[in-house]
Each structure stands twice: as structure tokens, then as C-alpha cells.
Amino acid sequence: MPLIYMKEIFTPLRMVGIKIFKSTEGQLYIKLGSRHRRHIF
């Protein structure tokens, strides 16, 4: 499995534990609390 580098995108949802990440390929991922990142787009 190739390594995927991600950067966190700041949103106000971060205050309630929802984080959004963007990969180097341009795909978006969401992380809810301590769960795994899930691909959304």
C-alpha cells in the first residue's frame, strides 16, 4: 500500500471533533473523533 501524505483543512467543525484532510492526490478524507479516516470525495 503506497504512502499517502495528508494535510488537515481548518474548519469550525474541528471544535466538535470532526477533522477534514486533503491528500496529495486531491482526495478528501473525514475523521470523526478517534475513528479512522474515511474517503469522502
Protein backbone atom coordinates (compact mmCIF):
# COMPACT_ATOMS: atom_id res chain seq x y z
CA MET A 1 0.00 0.00 0.00
CA PRO A 2 1.50 3.35 -1.01
CA LEU A 3 2.03 6.11 1.49
CA ILE A 4 -0.47 8.96 1.25
CA TYR A 5 0.51 12.36 2.63
CA MET A 6 -2.36 14.39 4.05
CA LYS A 7 -2.82 17.93 5.22
CA GLU A 8 -5.55 18.99 7.64
CA ILE A 9 -8.01 21.60 6.38
CA PHE A 10 -9.13 24.01 9.08
CA THR A 11 -12.91 24.17 9.56
CA PRO A 12 -15.04 25.21 12.55
CA LEU A 13 -16.11 21.54 12.82
CA ARG A 14 -12.73 20.80 14.38
CA MET A 15 -14.02 22.21 17.68
CA VAL A 16 -16.55 19.36 17.91
CA GLY A 17 -14.08 16.62 16.88
CA ILE A 18 -14.64 16.45 13.11
CA LYS A 19 -11.45 16.87 11.06
CA ILE A 20 -11.15 17.08 7.27
CA PHE A 21 -7.95 16.14 5.44
CA LYS A 22 -6.80 16.59 1.84
CA SER A 23 -4.33 14.12 0.30
CA THR A 24 -1.57 14.95 -2.16
CA GLU A 25 -3.76 13.42 -4.92
CA GLY A 26 -6.54 15.90 -4.13
CA GLN A 27 -8.93 13.47 -2.44
CA LEU A 28 -10.81 14.44 0.73
CA TYR A 29 -11.00 12.39 3.91
CA ILE A 30 -13.00 12.91 7.11
CA LYS A 31 -12.10 11.81 10.63
CA LEU A 32 -14.72 11.65 13.38
CA GLY A 33 -13.19 11.68 16.86
CA SER A 34 -10.70 8.84 17.25
CA ARG A 35 -12.04 6.76 14.34
CA HIS A 36 -10.11 6.00 11.15
CA ARG A 37 -10.04 8.48 8.26
CA ARG A 38 -12.72 7.79 5.64
CA HIS A 39 -12.62 8.79 1.99
CA ILE A 40 -15.48 11.22 1.13
CA PHE A 41 -14.70 12.59 -2.36
